[in-house]
N, C-alpha and C. Protein backbone atom coordinates (compact mmCIF):
# COMPACT_ATOMS: atom_id res chain seq x y z
N MET A 1 -20.25 26.55 47.03
CA MET A 1 -18.77 26.87 47.13
C MET A 1 -18.02 27.57 48.18
N LEU A 2 -17.06 27.33 49.11
CA LEU A 2 -16.80 28.16 50.11
C LEU A 2 -15.65 29.06 49.31
N ASP A 3 -15.79 30.23 49.45
CA ASP A 3 -14.69 31.24 49.17
C ASP A 3 -13.80 31.80 50.31
N ASN A 4 -12.69 31.04 50.79
CA ASN A 4 -11.85 31.16 51.78
C ASN A 4 -11.04 32.46 51.46
N HIS A 5 -10.96 33.20 50.12
CA HIS A 5 -10.07 33.84 49.90
C HIS A 5 -10.61 35.55 50.44
N ASP A 6 -12.39 35.43 50.69
CA ASP A 6 -12.95 36.62 50.94
C ASP A 6 -12.37 36.96 52.81
N LEU A 7 -11.64 36.11 53.01
CA LEU A 7 -11.49 36.17 54.79
C LEU A 7 -9.86 36.11 54.69
N SER A 8 -9.48 37.18 55.75
CA SER A 8 -8.01 37.46 55.79
C SER A 8 -7.69 37.77 57.19
N LEU A 9 -6.42 37.92 57.42
CA LEU A 9 -5.76 38.22 58.73
C LEU A 9 -5.41 39.53 59.24
N LYS A 10 -5.76 40.37 58.26
CA LYS A 10 -5.44 41.93 58.49
C LYS A 10 -5.96 42.41 59.86
N ASN A 11 -7.13 41.95 59.96
CA ASN A 11 -7.58 42.44 61.33
C ASN A 11 -8.19 41.80 62.59
N PRO A 12 -7.17 41.34 63.04
CA PRO A 12 -7.59 40.33 64.23
C PRO A 12 -8.88 40.92 65.12
N ILE A 13 -9.83 40.10 65.75
CA ILE A 13 -11.04 40.71 66.39
C ILE A 13 -10.55 40.49 68.08
N SER A 14 -9.29 40.10 68.11
CA SER A 14 -8.80 40.49 69.77
C SER A 14 -7.13 40.42 69.57
N GLN A 15 -6.70 40.93 70.86
CA GLN A 15 -5.31 40.90 71.01
C GLN A 15 -4.94 41.12 72.37
N LYS A 16 -4.24 39.96 72.96
CA LYS A 16 -3.82 40.24 74.26
C LYS A 16 -2.45 40.11 74.49
N ASN A 17 -1.81 40.91 75.21
CA ASN A 17 -0.39 40.86 75.64
C ASN A 17 0.02 39.74 76.57
N LEU A 18 0.57 38.77 76.20
CA LEU A 18 0.99 37.89 77.20
C LEU A 18 2.15 37.85 78.42
N ASP A 19 2.90 38.80 77.63
CA ASP A 19 4.48 39.04 78.34
C ASP A 19 3.98 39.20 79.73
N GLY A 20 5.09 38.71 80.71
CA GLY A 20 5.18 39.00 81.87
C GLY A 20 6.14 39.82 82.48
N TYR A 21 6.91 40.31 81.68
CA TYR A 21 8.10 40.96 82.26
C TYR A 21 8.27 42.47 81.58
N GLY A 22 7.00 42.84 81.21
CA GLY A 22 6.80 44.23 81.05
C GLY A 22 7.08 44.71 79.41
N ALA A 23 7.06 43.79 78.55
CA ALA A 23 7.71 44.14 77.09
C ALA A 23 5.99 44.54 76.46
N PRO A 24 6.34 45.44 75.51
CA PRO A 24 4.77 45.68 74.91
C PRO A 24 4.30 44.61 73.99
N PRO A 25 3.15 44.87 73.47
CA PRO A 25 2.34 44.12 72.90
C PRO A 25 3.28 44.05 71.43
N ILE A 26 3.40 42.92 70.64
CA ILE A 26 3.82 42.54 69.47
C ILE A 26 3.02 43.46 68.39
N PRO A 27 3.44 44.01 67.54
CA PRO A 27 2.41 44.71 66.54
C PRO A 27 2.25 43.59 65.44
N TRP A 28 0.98 43.64 65.40
CA TRP A 28 0.37 42.25 64.21
C TRP A 28 0.86 42.53 63.15
N GLU A 29 1.22 44.00 62.48
CA GLU A 29 1.68 44.08 61.40
C GLU A 29 2.89 43.68 61.13
N GLU A 30 3.73 43.69 62.34
CA GLU A 30 5.37 43.01 62.00
C GLU A 30 5.04 41.38 61.86
N ALA A 31 4.19 40.97 62.76
CA ALA A 31 4.18 39.36 62.99
C ALA A 31 3.36 39.04 61.55
N HIS A 32 2.54 39.77 61.11
CA HIS A 32 1.87 39.26 59.78
C HIS A 32 2.85 39.74 58.52
N LYS A 33 3.49 40.45 58.60
CA LYS A 33 4.62 40.90 57.60
C LYS A 33 5.82 39.68 57.63
N ARG A 34 6.10 39.01 58.66
CA ARG A 34 6.70 37.97 58.57
C ARG A 34 6.11 36.72 58.22
N LEU A 35 4.83 36.17 58.39
CA LEU A 35 4.10 35.21 57.97
C LEU A 35 4.45 35.41 56.17
N GLN A 36 4.14 36.61 55.67
CA GLN A 36 4.05 36.98 54.66
C GLN A 36 4.97 36.36 53.78
N GLN A 37 6.14 36.49 54.35
CA GLN A 37 7.57 36.14 53.73
C GLN A 37 7.62 34.63 53.51
N GLY A 38 7.31 33.82 54.05
CA GLY A 38 7.16 32.39 53.85
C GLY A 38 8.30 31.68 54.64
N PHE A 39 8.09 30.50 54.54
CA PHE A 39 9.27 29.58 55.27
C PHE A 39 10.13 28.49 54.32
N SER A 40 11.16 28.73 54.24
CA SER A 40 12.01 28.08 53.12
C SER A 40 12.64 26.76 54.13
N GLN A 41 12.80 25.77 53.48
CA GLN A 41 13.39 24.75 54.08
C GLN A 41 14.80 24.49 53.93
N ALA A 42 15.32 25.50 53.05
CA ALA A 42 16.93 25.59 52.70
C ALA A 42 17.52 25.81 53.79
N PRO A 43 18.96 25.15 54.14
CA PRO A 43 19.86 25.46 55.13
C PRO A 43 20.11 26.91 55.13
N LYS A 44 20.35 27.44 56.26
CA LYS A 44 20.89 28.89 56.75
C LYS A 44 19.71 30.10 56.17
N THR A 45 18.42 29.29 56.19
CA THR A 45 17.36 30.37 55.55
C THR A 45 16.55 30.84 56.89
N GLY A 46 16.41 30.02 57.84
CA GLY A 46 15.46 30.49 59.08
C GLY A 46 16.21 29.77 60.20
N GLY A 47 15.48 30.08 61.21
CA GLY A 47 16.03 29.48 62.90
C GLY A 47 15.19 28.04 63.34
N PRO A 48 16.40 27.67 63.98
CA PRO A 48 17.77 27.60 64.00
C PRO A 48 17.87 26.55 62.76
N ASP A 49 19.26 27.67 61.97
CA ASP A 49 19.66 26.85 60.56
C ASP A 49 18.66 27.13 59.69
N ARG A 50 17.35 26.60 59.83
CA ARG A 50 16.47 26.65 58.72
C ARG A 50 15.19 26.86 59.42
N HIS A 51 14.03 26.92 58.71
CA HIS A 51 12.82 27.20 59.44
C HIS A 51 12.11 25.75 59.54
N THR A 52 11.73 25.68 60.95
CA THR A 52 11.21 24.12 61.39
C THR A 52 9.66 24.52 61.69
N ALA A 53 8.75 23.26 60.96
CA ALA A 53 7.64 23.73 61.21
C ALA A 53 7.11 22.43 61.74
N TRP A 54 6.25 22.31 62.94
CA TRP A 54 5.58 21.20 63.55
C TRP A 54 4.23 20.89 63.56
N LEU A 55 3.59 20.21 63.03
CA LEU A 55 2.17 19.75 63.06
C LEU A 55 1.64 18.86 64.33
N ALA A 56 1.03 19.50 65.16
CA ALA A 56 0.22 18.77 66.44
C ALA A 56 -1.57 18.52 66.18
N THR A 57 -1.61 16.99 66.21
CA THR A 57 -3.15 16.84 65.96
C THR A 57 -3.28 16.00 67.21
N VAL A 58 -4.68 15.54 67.08
CA VAL A 58 -5.47 14.90 68.55
C VAL A 58 -5.38 13.13 67.97
N ARG A 59 -4.74 12.25 68.89
CA ARG A 59 -5.38 10.84 68.72
C ARG A 59 -6.60 10.48 68.97
N PRO A 60 -7.21 9.31 68.39
CA PRO A 60 -8.54 9.14 69.17
C PRO A 60 -8.79 8.97 70.24
N ASP A 61 -7.54 8.42 71.14
CA ASP A 61 -7.57 8.64 72.71
C ASP A 61 -7.31 9.80 73.44
N GLY A 62 -7.26 10.94 72.56
CA GLY A 62 -7.05 12.30 73.58
C GLY A 62 -5.43 12.91 73.37
N LYS A 63 -4.85 11.55 73.33
CA LYS A 63 -3.42 12.08 73.43
C LYS A 63 -2.92 12.89 72.07
N PRO A 64 -1.68 13.88 72.15
CA PRO A 64 -1.15 14.78 71.15
C PRO A 64 -0.53 13.79 70.34
N HIS A 65 -0.28 14.14 69.04
CA HIS A 65 0.58 13.50 68.22
C HIS A 65 0.98 14.84 67.41
N VAL A 66 2.88 14.81 67.39
CA VAL A 66 3.57 15.97 66.81
C VAL A 66 4.34 15.32 66.06
N MET A 67 4.20 16.01 64.66
CA MET A 67 5.21 15.50 63.51
C MET A 67 5.85 16.87 62.76
N PRO A 68 7.17 16.76 62.44
CA PRO A 68 7.61 18.10 61.41
C PRO A 68 7.23 17.81 60.08
N ILE A 69 6.54 18.98 59.39
CA ILE A 69 5.94 19.23 58.17
C ILE A 69 6.89 20.36 57.36
N GLY A 70 6.66 20.13 56.01
CA GLY A 70 6.69 21.38 55.23
C GLY A 70 5.47 22.47 55.45
N ILE A 71 5.75 23.54 55.52
CA ILE A 71 4.68 24.49 55.47
C ILE A 71 4.65 25.33 54.57
N LEU A 72 3.38 25.71 54.22
CA LEU A 72 3.32 26.88 53.25
C LEU A 72 2.34 28.19 53.39
N PHE A 73 2.74 29.19 53.42
CA PHE A 73 1.76 30.14 53.94
C PHE A 73 1.18 31.22 52.61
N LEU A 74 0.20 30.89 52.18
CA LEU A 74 -0.44 31.72 51.06
C LEU A 74 -1.97 32.12 50.98
N ASP A 75 -1.82 33.59 50.84
CA ASP A 75 -3.03 34.23 51.06
C ASP A 75 -3.67 33.92 52.34
N ASP A 76 -3.00 34.25 53.58
CA ASP A 76 -3.51 34.37 54.86
C ASP A 76 -3.84 32.85 55.40
N ALA A 77 -3.52 32.02 54.72
CA ALA A 77 -3.73 30.32 55.31
C ALA A 77 -2.59 29.53 55.00
N PHE A 78 -2.46 28.47 55.75
CA PHE A 78 -1.35 27.76 55.87
C PHE A 78 -1.60 26.56 55.25
N TYR A 79 -0.87 25.96 54.23
CA TYR A 79 -1.11 24.41 53.68
C TYR A 79 -0.14 23.52 54.12
N PHE A 80 -0.28 22.15 54.10
CA PHE A 80 0.66 21.04 54.26
C PHE A 80 0.02 19.97 53.50
N ASN A 81 1.00 19.07 53.26
CA ASN A 81 0.55 17.45 52.75
C ASN A 81 0.78 16.36 53.43
N THR A 82 0.05 15.33 53.67
CA THR A 82 0.49 14.10 54.13
C THR A 82 -0.14 12.88 53.31
N GLY A 83 0.25 11.85 53.48
CA GLY A 83 -0.53 10.64 53.43
C GLY A 83 -1.87 10.18 53.83
N PRO A 84 -2.78 9.81 52.97
CA PRO A 84 -3.95 9.33 53.75
C PRO A 84 -4.14 8.49 54.82
N LYS A 85 -2.78 7.59 55.00
CA LYS A 85 -2.75 6.74 55.82
C LYS A 85 -1.83 7.16 56.87
N THR A 86 -1.31 8.33 57.02
CA THR A 86 -0.36 8.41 57.88
C THR A 86 -1.29 8.90 59.36
N ARG A 87 -0.90 8.86 60.60
CA ARG A 87 -1.35 9.12 61.68
C ARG A 87 -2.00 10.47 61.53
N LYS A 88 -1.43 11.46 61.37
CA LYS A 88 -2.03 13.13 61.24
C LYS A 88 -3.15 13.04 60.27
N ALA A 89 -3.03 12.46 59.04
CA ALA A 89 -4.43 12.28 58.46
C ALA A 89 -5.25 11.81 58.76
N ARG A 90 -5.20 10.89 59.58
CA ARG A 90 -6.44 9.83 59.95
C ARG A 90 -6.69 10.58 61.51
N ASN A 91 -6.02 11.54 61.75
CA ASN A 91 -6.65 12.28 63.46
C ASN A 91 -7.05 13.30 62.50
N ILE A 92 -6.89 13.89 61.73
CA ILE A 92 -7.77 15.30 61.22
C ILE A 92 -8.78 14.51 60.50
N ALA A 93 -9.15 13.42 59.95
CA ALA A 93 -10.31 13.16 59.70
C ALA A 93 -11.31 12.95 60.68
N ARG A 94 -10.64 12.68 62.03
CA ARG A 94 -11.65 12.28 62.97
C ARG A 94 -11.89 13.52 63.71
N ASN A 95 -10.71 14.42 64.00
CA ASN A 95 -10.87 15.73 64.59
C ASN A 95 -9.98 16.86 63.92
N PRO A 96 -10.62 17.58 63.31
CA PRO A 96 -9.88 18.60 62.53
C PRO A 96 -8.97 19.54 63.27
N ASN A 97 -9.14 19.82 64.02
CA ASN A 97 -8.55 21.03 65.16
C ASN A 97 -7.08 20.40 65.19
N CYS A 98 -6.08 21.38 64.99
CA CYS A 98 -4.74 21.50 64.72
C CYS A 98 -3.77 22.38 65.42
N VAL A 99 -2.72 22.00 65.82
CA VAL A 99 -1.84 23.11 66.07
C VAL A 99 -0.65 23.28 65.08
N ILE A 100 -0.14 24.30 64.52
CA ILE A 100 1.04 24.30 63.74
C ILE A 100 1.81 25.23 64.45
N THR A 101 3.34 25.18 64.58
CA THR A 101 4.36 25.62 65.43
C THR A 101 5.34 26.12 64.44
N ILE A 102 6.01 27.25 64.31
CA ILE A 102 7.11 27.58 63.55
C ILE A 102 8.18 28.23 63.96
N ALA A 103 9.32 27.89 63.86
CA ALA A 103 10.62 28.64 64.24
C ALA A 103 11.01 29.68 63.30
N THR A 104 11.34 31.00 63.58
CA THR A 104 11.97 31.95 62.81
C THR A 104 12.65 32.64 63.48
N HIS A 105 13.93 33.47 62.68
CA HIS A 105 14.64 34.31 63.38
C HIS A 105 13.87 35.54 64.29
N GLU A 106 12.71 35.80 63.67
CA GLU A 106 12.21 36.88 64.22
C GLU A 106 11.18 36.55 65.52
N PHE A 107 10.50 35.44 65.42
CA PHE A 107 9.31 35.25 66.16
C PHE A 107 9.25 33.88 66.08
N ASP A 108 9.16 33.00 67.23
CA ASP A 108 8.43 31.78 67.04
C ASP A 108 6.86 31.61 67.12
N PHE A 109 6.17 31.34 65.95
CA PHE A 109 4.78 31.34 66.01
C PHE A 109 3.80 30.03 66.32
N VAL A 110 2.88 30.04 67.09
CA VAL A 110 1.88 28.90 67.14
C VAL A 110 0.51 29.42 66.64
N VAL A 111 0.24 28.62 65.73
CA VAL A 111 -0.98 28.59 65.22
C VAL A 111 -2.07 27.73 65.32
N GLU A 112 -3.45 28.14 65.79
CA GLU A 112 -4.46 27.30 65.93
C GLU A 112 -5.79 27.50 65.42
N GLY A 113 -6.19 26.32 64.44
CA GLY A 113 -7.30 26.06 63.84
C GLY A 113 -7.30 24.88 63.16
N PRO A 114 -8.73 24.61 62.61
CA PRO A 114 -8.97 23.45 62.07
C PRO A 114 -8.35 23.02 60.68
N ALA A 115 -8.20 21.95 60.42
CA ALA A 115 -7.45 21.57 59.15
C ALA A 115 -8.54 21.06 58.26
N ARG A 116 -8.66 21.62 56.82
CA ARG A 116 -9.76 21.05 56.00
C ARG A 116 -9.07 20.72 54.62
N ARG A 117 -9.21 19.53 54.29
CA ARG A 117 -8.57 18.95 52.81
C ARG A 117 -9.26 19.56 51.73
N ILE A 118 -8.15 20.03 51.31
CA ILE A 118 -8.68 20.46 49.39
C ILE A 118 -8.57 19.45 48.39
N VAL A 119 -9.68 19.28 47.54
CA VAL A 119 -9.60 18.32 46.88
C VAL A 119 -10.14 18.67 45.27
N ASP A 120 -10.43 20.06 44.98
CA ASP A 120 -10.45 20.57 43.73
C ASP A 120 -9.27 20.75 42.80
N HIS A 121 -9.21 20.30 41.37
CA HIS A 121 -8.00 20.50 40.77
C HIS A 121 -7.51 22.01 40.98
N ALA A 122 -8.37 23.14 40.55
CA ALA A 122 -7.95 24.50 40.61
C ALA A 122 -7.13 24.79 41.84
N GLY A 123 -7.82 24.44 43.06
CA GLY A 123 -7.20 24.90 44.06
C GLY A 123 -5.68 24.24 44.35
N LEU A 124 -5.90 22.78 44.11
CA LEU A 124 -4.50 21.96 44.31
C LEU A 124 -3.61 22.44 43.14
N GLN A 125 -3.83 23.06 42.12
CA GLN A 125 -2.97 23.60 40.98
C GLN A 125 -2.15 25.05 41.68
N ARG A 126 -3.25 25.64 42.21
CA ARG A 126 -2.58 26.85 42.84
C ARG A 126 -1.83 26.72 44.02
N ILE A 127 -1.90 25.52 44.85
CA ILE A 127 -0.96 25.40 46.02
C ILE A 127 0.20 24.92 45.17
N ALA A 128 0.27 23.63 44.51
CA ALA A 128 1.33 23.12 43.84
C ALA A 128 2.39 24.35 43.39
N ASP A 129 1.66 25.51 42.25
CA ASP A 129 2.29 26.51 41.88
C ASP A 129 3.08 27.16 43.02
N ALA A 130 2.81 27.25 44.23
CA ALA A 130 3.47 28.23 44.98
C ALA A 130 4.24 27.35 45.53
N PHE A 131 4.17 25.93 45.94
CA PHE A 131 5.36 24.92 46.36
C PHE A 131 6.16 25.14 45.50
N LYS A 132 6.05 25.16 44.08
CA LYS A 132 7.07 25.35 43.41
C LYS A 132 8.24 26.48 43.26
N LYS A 133 7.53 27.39 43.61
CA LYS A 133 8.32 28.87 43.80
C LYS A 133 9.36 28.81 44.83
N GLN A 134 9.10 27.55 45.99
CA GLN A 134 9.83 27.60 46.96
C GLN A 134 10.96 26.29 46.57
N GLY A 135 10.80 25.80 45.42
CA GLY A 135 11.80 24.75 44.89
C GLY A 135 11.43 23.28 45.12
N TRP A 136 10.25 23.02 45.51
CA TRP A 136 9.48 21.65 45.59
C TRP A 136 8.72 21.62 44.34
N GLU A 137 8.57 20.45 43.61
CA GLU A 137 8.23 20.22 42.22
C GLU A 137 7.06 19.29 42.13
N PRO A 138 5.81 19.09 43.06
CA PRO A 138 4.72 18.69 42.70
C PRO A 138 3.81 18.87 41.67
N THR A 139 3.24 17.54 41.62
CA THR A 139 2.24 17.42 40.53
C THR A 139 0.65 17.15 40.89
N VAL A 140 -0.23 17.78 40.30
CA VAL A 140 -1.57 17.40 40.81
C VAL A 140 -1.95 16.17 40.04
N VAL A 141 -2.47 15.38 41.12
CA VAL A 141 -3.49 14.07 40.83
C VAL A 141 -4.91 14.36 41.28
N GLU A 142 -5.64 13.24 41.07
CA GLU A 142 -6.85 13.14 41.52
C GLU A 142 -6.95 13.30 43.21
N GLY A 143 -7.56 14.48 43.55
CA GLY A 143 -7.75 14.49 45.19
C GLY A 143 -6.42 14.59 46.05
N GLY A 144 -5.02 15.16 45.17
CA GLY A 144 -4.03 15.57 46.16
C GLY A 144 -2.78 15.98 45.27
N LEU A 145 -1.84 15.69 45.92
CA LEU A 145 -0.34 16.05 44.91
C LEU A 145 0.49 14.68 45.17
N THR A 146 1.54 14.73 44.05
CA THR A 146 2.39 13.81 43.93
C THR A 146 3.87 14.32 43.47
N ALA A 147 4.76 13.77 44.07
CA ALA A 147 6.02 14.02 43.46
C ALA A 147 7.16 13.25 43.79
N GLU A 148 8.43 13.53 43.26
CA GLU A 148 9.58 12.53 43.35
C GLU A 148 10.03 12.52 44.72
N TYR A 149 9.38 13.18 45.51
CA TYR A 149 10.14 13.24 47.00
C TYR A 149 9.30 14.44 47.96
N SER A 150 8.96 13.87 49.29
CA SER A 150 8.25 14.84 49.96
C SER A 150 9.03 14.54 51.48
N ALA A 151 8.47 15.14 52.36
CA ALA A 151 9.14 14.90 53.89
C ALA A 151 8.97 13.33 54.10
N PRO A 152 9.72 12.86 54.89
CA PRO A 152 9.64 11.23 55.41
C PRO A 152 8.45 10.96 56.18
N SER A 153 7.99 12.15 56.98
CA SER A 153 6.72 12.16 57.55
C SER A 153 5.26 11.90 56.91
N ALA A 154 5.72 12.39 55.55
CA ALA A 154 4.47 12.37 54.53
C ALA A 154 3.80 10.95 54.28
N GLY A 155 4.82 10.02 54.52
CA GLY A 155 4.40 8.92 53.79
C GLY A 155 4.34 8.93 52.03
N PRO A 156 3.96 7.59 51.51
CA PRO A 156 4.28 7.61 50.14
C PRO A 156 2.97 8.30 49.44
N PRO A 157 3.25 8.88 48.24
CA PRO A 157 2.50 9.44 47.44
C PRO A 157 1.30 8.47 47.06
N PRO A 158 0.20 9.16 46.59
CA PRO A 158 -0.22 10.73 46.42
C PRO A 158 -0.61 11.41 48.06
N TRP A 159 -0.48 12.52 48.21
CA TRP A 159 -0.38 12.91 49.47
C TRP A 159 -1.78 13.94 49.35
N ASN A 160 -2.58 14.05 50.66
CA ASN A 160 -3.77 14.92 50.82
C ASN A 160 -3.20 16.03 51.14
N VAL A 161 -3.86 17.30 50.69
CA VAL A 161 -3.38 18.77 50.77
C VAL A 161 -4.36 19.07 51.90
N TYR A 162 -4.08 19.97 52.88
CA TYR A 162 -4.78 20.59 53.78
C TYR A 162 -4.59 21.98 54.03
N GLU A 163 -5.70 22.57 54.32
CA GLU A 163 -5.48 24.01 54.69
C GLU A 163 -5.92 24.38 55.91
N VAL A 164 -5.21 25.43 56.66
CA VAL A 164 -5.70 25.88 58.12
C VAL A 164 -5.72 27.10 58.07
N LYS A 165 -6.73 27.65 58.10
CA LYS A 165 -7.08 29.11 58.34
C LYS A 165 -7.13 29.33 60.00
N PRO A 166 -6.21 30.29 60.22
CA PRO A 166 -5.92 30.44 61.89
C PRO A 166 -7.36 31.05 62.40
N GLU A 167 -7.64 30.33 63.65
CA GLU A 167 -8.31 31.00 64.68
C GLU A 167 -7.65 32.09 65.63
N ALA A 168 -6.45 31.45 65.92
CA ALA A 168 -5.72 32.09 66.92
C ALA A 168 -4.29 32.00 66.31
N ILE A 169 -3.43 33.14 66.71
CA ILE A 169 -1.96 32.82 66.38
C ILE A 169 -1.35 33.68 67.76
N PHE A 170 -0.18 32.89 68.10
CA PHE A 170 0.72 33.51 69.05
C PHE A 170 2.14 33.85 68.62
N ALA A 171 2.59 34.90 68.92
CA ALA A 171 3.91 35.39 68.65
C ALA A 171 4.71 35.05 69.84
N LEU A 172 6.03 34.90 69.63
CA LEU A 172 7.08 35.26 70.66
C LEU A 172 8.10 35.82 70.39
N GLY A 173 8.46 37.22 70.42
CA GLY A 173 9.63 37.50 69.80
C GLY A 173 10.96 37.00 70.68
N THR A 174 11.88 36.84 69.54
CA THR A 174 13.12 36.02 69.76
C THR A 174 14.34 37.11 70.03
N SER A 175 14.00 38.43 70.10
CA SER A 175 15.03 39.53 70.14
C SER A 175 14.45 40.57 70.65
N GLU A 176 15.14 41.63 71.20
CA GLU A 176 14.53 42.63 71.86
C GLU A 176 13.55 43.52 70.98
N PRO A 177 12.55 43.91 71.67
CA PRO A 177 12.30 43.71 73.18
C PRO A 177 11.48 42.58 73.40
N PHE A 178 11.54 41.64 72.68
CA PHE A 178 10.87 40.24 72.85
C PHE A 178 9.58 40.44 73.08
N GLY A 179 8.81 40.14 73.95
CA GLY A 179 7.18 40.23 74.02
C GLY A 179 6.57 38.54 73.49
N ALA A 180 5.47 38.48 73.84
CA ALA A 180 4.37 37.46 73.76
C ALA A 180 3.14 37.83 73.52
N THR A 181 2.49 37.72 72.17
CA THR A 181 1.10 38.12 72.03
C THR A 181 0.47 37.04 71.07
N ARG A 182 -0.96 37.26 71.51
CA ARG A 182 -1.86 36.31 71.18
C ARG A 182 -3.21 37.32 70.10
N TRP A 183 -3.35 36.82 69.21
CA TRP A 183 -4.66 37.39 68.62
C TRP A 183 -5.54 36.31 67.91
N HIS A 184 -6.91 36.81 67.83
CA HIS A 184 -7.88 35.88 67.48
C HIS A 184 -8.19 36.40 66.25
N PHE A 185 -9.03 35.64 65.24
CA PHE A 185 -9.77 35.81 64.28
C PHE A 185 -10.74 35.21 64.01
N GLN A 186 -11.44 35.93 62.99
CA GLN A 186 -12.53 35.58 62.34
C GLN A 186 -12.50 34.79 61.15
N THR A 187 -12.54 33.61 60.95
CA THR A 187 -12.19 33.01 59.85
C THR A 187 -13.49 32.02 59.00
N GLY A 188 -14.37 32.26 59.14
CA GLY A 188 -15.58 31.67 58.73
C GLY A 188 -16.44 31.08 59.67
N ALA A 189 -17.57 30.72 59.05
CA ALA A 189 -18.64 30.10 60.17
C ALA A 189 -18.59 28.67 59.79
N SER A 190 -18.26 28.02 59.07
CA SER A 190 -18.28 26.61 58.80
C SER A 190 -17.40 25.93 59.35
N ARG A 191 -17.33 25.04 60.19
CA ARG A 191 -15.97 24.43 60.82
C ARG A 191 -16.83 22.86 60.96
N LYS A 192 -17.24 22.33 59.72
CA LYS A 192 -17.62 20.94 60.11
C LYS A 192 -16.77 19.70 59.36
N GLY A 193 -15.50 20.29 58.99
CA GLY A 193 -14.69 19.35 58.83
C GLY A 193 -14.45 18.51 57.51
N SER A 194 -15.67 18.96 56.52
CA SER A 194 -15.64 18.29 55.30
C SER A 194 -14.75 19.19 54.03
N PRO A 195 -14.32 18.16 53.16
CA PRO A 195 -13.27 18.60 52.00
C PRO A 195 -13.83 20.20 51.55
N ILE A 196 -12.78 21.05 51.36
CA ILE A 196 -13.46 22.38 50.66
C ILE A 196 -12.93 22.37 49.19
N ARG A 197 -13.92 23.22 48.40
CA ARG A 197 -13.41 23.56 47.21
C ARG A 197 -13.24 25.23 47.09
N LEU A 198 -12.12 25.42 46.41
CA LEU A 198 -11.70 26.96 46.38
C LEU A 198 -11.89 27.19 45.20
N LYS A 199 -12.06 28.45 44.94
CA LYS A 199 -12.52 29.30 43.90
C LYS A 199 -11.33 29.90 43.31
């Protein structure tokens, strides 16, 4: 059983200032603090007008596929759900590498890492409980979640749930002093794309 909670984003293994206009590196502590605040989808809660998250996956022919998603940040990992027959779920089953982008008032984030499906009841319940705190009321079913509604791009229920442990995060400041910084992280040795069970 893989214990993903032993790994955190507190200590990047590398940092690079990508700004070409003289801005200093963005402190990781500031970027991490903003991630920990979460991403509500309610109007007037993020930029522009609300927090916007997008998931990019790879089609079988190598072309990119991008769709908007609801995102959850919990214990230094990102979580999202989608139906098993959606294009993004089928892409992940073939190639788990993906990119999540998130627009907030403070930073625009780009997150790179493989998506791993969560299948155990306890892990799914933990994620369902976290979503409920944001106003969405999913119920755990075998291997996934169901609810009265989800994003149109998720397809019909039940939905698979995926975890992304970031291997790299980019942050671009949206106000003074702006800046653009990339961090790399050590998030575990197992990268074979199989479903995981959370402790």
